[in-house]
Amino acid sequence: MMDKKECVDRMRGQMEKALGYLRSQLTTIRAGKANPAMLAGVLVDYYGTPTPIDQVANISSQDARSITIQPWEKSLIPAIEKAIQNANLGFNPQNNGETVRVPVPPLTEERRKELVKQARQEGEAAKVTIRNARRDANDVIKKLQKDGLAEDEAKNSEAEIQKITEQYNGKVESETAAKEKEIMTV
């Protein structure tokens, strides 16, 4: 049987994972500046196997307007170009026989608003995960109370759970707001 400290620690771990996942999702949302993370979801056909692009090439950005992809095998250049086009990211890759260059066009106002909406959806998904972790922790505390945990200890645990939940919701808010600001900055 789990005690209240284990319960709170497990909840905190779930909330930390939700926050980490939110951060990783927000890095894939384009914010005007070229960033290798923009290509994180791109899968290249590597000898018949869909493989993440960063496992078949070096990806870097020399400036704010382009991403450079240096494949480990030159024969992959056409597959990399095709994968980027199929990923529907709004990029038009170009190759010079050695590398693939992906120019990052400036964002339109309309596209910026869509990306802000996407960032808010990711933030909301993280908050749902946090609320679920809180609910699960409160259920465990109620079960412990039925099994003999003192009522004031249960109330204190529920108050602690709520405080931790509010802290994580605040972190989600600030991460999302920072990403919105980054997207809307021209």
Protein backbone atom coordinates (compact mmCIF):
# COMPACT_ATOMS: atom_id res chain seq x y z
CA MET A 1 0.00 0.00 0.00
CA MET A 2 1.25 3.47 -0.92
CA ASP A 3 1.72 6.11 1.80
CA LYS A 4 0.92 9.80 1.33
CA LYS A 5 4.56 10.81 0.65
CA GLU A 6 4.86 8.22 -2.14
CA CYS A 7 1.53 9.40 -3.51
CA VAL A 8 2.66 13.05 -3.63
CA ASP A 9 6.08 12.08 -5.09
CA ARG A 10 4.43 10.01 -7.82
CA MET A 11 2.06 12.87 -8.64
CA ARG A 12 4.97 15.33 -8.80
CA GLY A 13 6.80 12.96 -11.17
CA GLN A 14 3.76 12.75 -13.47
CA MET A 15 3.45 16.54 -13.48
CA GLU A 16 7.17 16.91 -14.23
CA LYS A 17 6.79 14.54 -17.19
CA ALA A 18 3.83 16.56 -18.47
CA LEU A 19 5.91 19.75 -18.23
CA GLY A 20 8.87 18.09 -20.01
CA TYR A 21 6.60 16.86 -22.79
CA LEU A 22 5.10 20.35 -23.15
CA ARG A 23 8.60 21.83 -23.48
CA SER A 24 9.56 19.31 -26.16
CA GLN A 25 6.31 20.00 -28.08
CA LEU A 26 6.80 23.77 -27.87
CA THR A 27 10.31 23.53 -29.35
CA THR A 28 8.86 21.90 -32.47
CA ILE A 29 6.49 24.84 -33.02
CA ARG A 30 8.10 27.24 -35.42
CA ALA A 31 8.70 30.77 -34.14
CA GLY A 32 10.14 32.61 -37.13
CA LYS A 33 13.79 31.75 -36.40
CA ALA A 34 15.32 28.66 -37.98
CA ASN A 35 15.76 25.92 -35.42
CA PRO A 36 16.86 22.30 -36.06
CA ALA A 37 14.04 21.14 -33.71
CA MET A 38 11.56 22.24 -36.41
CA LEU A 39 12.45 19.07 -38.30
CA ALA A 40 12.15 16.78 -35.24
CA GLY A 41 9.06 14.95 -36.52
CA VAL A 42 10.39 14.35 -40.05
CA LEU A 43 10.89 10.68 -40.96
CA VAL A 44 13.24 9.82 -43.84
CA ASP A 45 12.83 6.61 -45.86
CA TYR A 46 16.16 4.99 -44.94
CA TYR A 47 16.41 1.80 -47.03
CA GLY A 48 12.68 1.13 -46.55
CA THR A 49 12.57 2.06 -42.86
CA PRO A 50 11.04 5.39 -41.68
CA THR A 51 13.89 6.90 -39.64
CA PRO A 52 14.01 10.23 -37.75
CA ILE A 53 15.95 12.76 -39.81
CA ASP A 54 18.44 13.45 -37.01
CA GLN A 55 19.53 9.78 -37.16
CA VAL A 56 20.63 10.01 -40.80
CA ALA A 57 22.08 13.53 -40.94
CA ASN A 58 23.59 16.44 -39.03
CA ILE A 59 21.09 19.29 -38.70
CA SER A 60 22.17 22.84 -37.91
CA SER A 61 21.14 26.43 -38.46
CA GLN A 62 23.86 28.91 -39.37
CA ASP A 63 21.49 31.89 -39.39
CA ALA A 64 17.91 32.80 -38.42
CA ARG A 65 16.58 32.12 -41.93
CA SER A 66 17.83 28.64 -42.90
CA ILE A 67 18.48 25.11 -41.68
CA THR A 68 21.33 23.06 -43.13
CA ILE A 69 21.14 19.28 -43.31
CA GLN A 70 24.37 17.33 -43.89
CA PRO A 71 23.38 13.69 -44.61
CA TRP A 72 25.83 10.97 -43.61
CA GLU A 73 25.24 9.36 -47.01
CA LYS A 74 24.91 11.55 -50.12
CA SER A 75 22.46 9.02 -51.60
CA LEU A 76 19.93 10.12 -48.95
CA ILE A 77 19.62 13.72 -50.26
CA PRO A 78 16.54 13.01 -52.45
CA ALA A 79 14.87 11.02 -49.63
CA ILE A 80 15.53 13.86 -47.16
CA GLU A 81 14.07 16.45 -49.55
CA LYS A 82 11.00 14.29 -50.14
CA ALA A 83 10.51 13.67 -46.40
CA ILE A 84 10.63 17.41 -45.61
CA GLN A 85 8.10 18.17 -48.36
CA ASN A 86 5.81 15.31 -47.21
CA ALA A 87 5.96 16.53 -43.60
CA ASN A 88 3.87 19.54 -44.69
CA LEU A 89 5.86 22.08 -42.67
CA GLY A 90 5.66 24.74 -45.36
CA PHE A 91 9.36 24.38 -46.25
CA ASN A 92 10.86 24.07 -49.72
CA PRO A 93 14.21 22.23 -49.38
CA GLN A 94 17.03 22.82 -51.88
CA ASN A 95 20.15 20.72 -52.39
CA ASN A 96 23.57 21.49 -53.81
CA GLY A 97 24.68 17.87 -54.15
CA GLU A 98 26.42 17.95 -50.75
CA THR A 99 23.85 19.29 -48.32
CA VAL A 100 20.15 20.13 -48.14
CA ARG A 101 19.35 23.73 -47.30
CA VAL A 102 15.91 24.57 -45.94
CA PRO A 103 15.06 28.28 -46.21
CA VAL A 104 12.70 29.32 -43.40
CA PRO A 105 10.27 31.91 -44.77
CA PRO A 106 9.12 34.68 -42.43
CA LEU A 107 5.78 33.95 -40.77
CA THR A 108 2.61 35.73 -41.86
CA GLU A 109 0.37 37.26 -39.19
CA GLU A 110 -2.26 34.59 -39.90
CA ARG A 111 0.28 31.76 -39.52
CA ARG A 112 1.57 33.29 -36.28
CA LYS A 113 -1.97 33.21 -34.85
CA GLU A 114 -2.35 29.56 -35.87
CA LEU A 115 0.93 28.71 -34.14
CA VAL A 116 -0.12 30.57 -30.97
CA LYS A 117 -3.34 28.54 -31.02
CA GLN A 118 -1.28 25.35 -31.38
CA ALA A 119 0.95 26.39 -28.44
CA ARG A 120 -2.14 27.05 -26.30
CA GLN A 121 -3.54 23.61 -27.20
CA GLU A 122 -0.28 22.00 -26.10
CA GLY A 123 -0.45 23.98 -22.84
CA GLU A 124 -4.05 22.89 -22.27
CA ALA A 125 -3.11 19.24 -22.89
CA ALA A 126 -0.36 19.55 -20.26
CA LYS A 127 -2.85 21.06 -17.80
CA VAL A 128 -5.26 18.16 -18.39
CA THR A 129 -2.45 15.70 -17.58
CA ILE A 130 -1.64 17.70 -14.43
CA ARG A 131 -5.31 17.72 -13.35
CA ASN A 132 -5.49 13.95 -13.92
CA ALA A 133 -2.40 13.44 -11.75
CA ARG A 134 -4.02 15.59 -9.03
CA ARG A 135 -7.26 13.59 -9.22
CA ASP A 136 -5.37 10.28 -8.96
CA ALA A 137 -3.40 11.55 -5.95
CA ASN A 138 -6.56 12.79 -4.21
CA ASP A 139 -8.20 9.39 -4.83
CA VAL A 140 -5.24 7.67 -3.16
CA ILE A 141 -5.47 10.05 -0.17
CA LYS A 142 -9.23 9.33 0.17
CA LYS A 143 -8.49 5.59 0.06
CA LEU A 144 -5.80 6.05 2.73
CA GLN A 145 -8.30 8.00 4.85
CA LYS A 146 -10.76 5.08 4.64
CA ASP A 147 -7.93 2.78 5.71
CA GLY A 148 -7.22 4.84 8.83
CA LEU A 149 -5.35 8.02 7.82
CA ALA A 150 -6.38 10.84 10.20
CA GLU A 151 -8.83 13.36 8.70
CA ASP A 152 -6.59 16.39 9.37
CA GLU A 153 -3.62 14.60 7.74
CA ALA A 154 -5.80 13.84 4.71
CA LYS A 155 -6.88 17.51 4.52
CA ASN A 156 -3.24 18.64 4.80
CA SER A 157 -2.24 16.20 2.03
CA GLU A 158 -5.05 17.43 -0.22
CA ALA A 159 -3.99 21.04 0.41
CA GLU A 160 -0.37 20.14 -0.45
CA ILE A 161 -1.55 18.36 -3.61
CA GLN A 162 -3.54 21.44 -4.63
CA LYS A 163 -0.55 23.73 -3.97
CA ILE A 164 1.75 21.56 -6.11
CA THR A 165 -0.89 21.45 -8.85
CA GLU A 166 -1.10 25.25 -8.87
CA GLN A 167 2.72 25.49 -9.09
CA TYR A 168 2.80 23.20 -12.13
CA ASN A 169 -0.13 24.99 -13.77
CA GLY A 170 1.82 28.23 -13.28
CA LYS A 171 4.88 26.70 -14.95
CA VAL A 172 2.71 25.56 -17.89
CA GLU A 173 1.26 29.09 -18.17
CA SER A 174 4.69 30.72 -18.20
CA GLU A 175 6.15 28.23 -20.74
CA THR A 176 3.15 28.75 -23.03
CA ALA A 177 3.21 32.55 -22.64
CA ALA A 178 6.95 32.64 -23.41
CA LYS A 179 6.36 30.61 -26.58
CA GLU A 180 3.45 32.87 -27.61
CA LYS A 181 5.66 35.92 -27.14
CA GLU A 182 8.43 34.28 -29.18
CA ILE A 183 5.97 33.45 -31.99
CA MET A 184 4.42 36.93 -32.09
CA THR A 185 7.78 38.76 -32.04
CA VAL A 186 8.50 39.80 -35.61
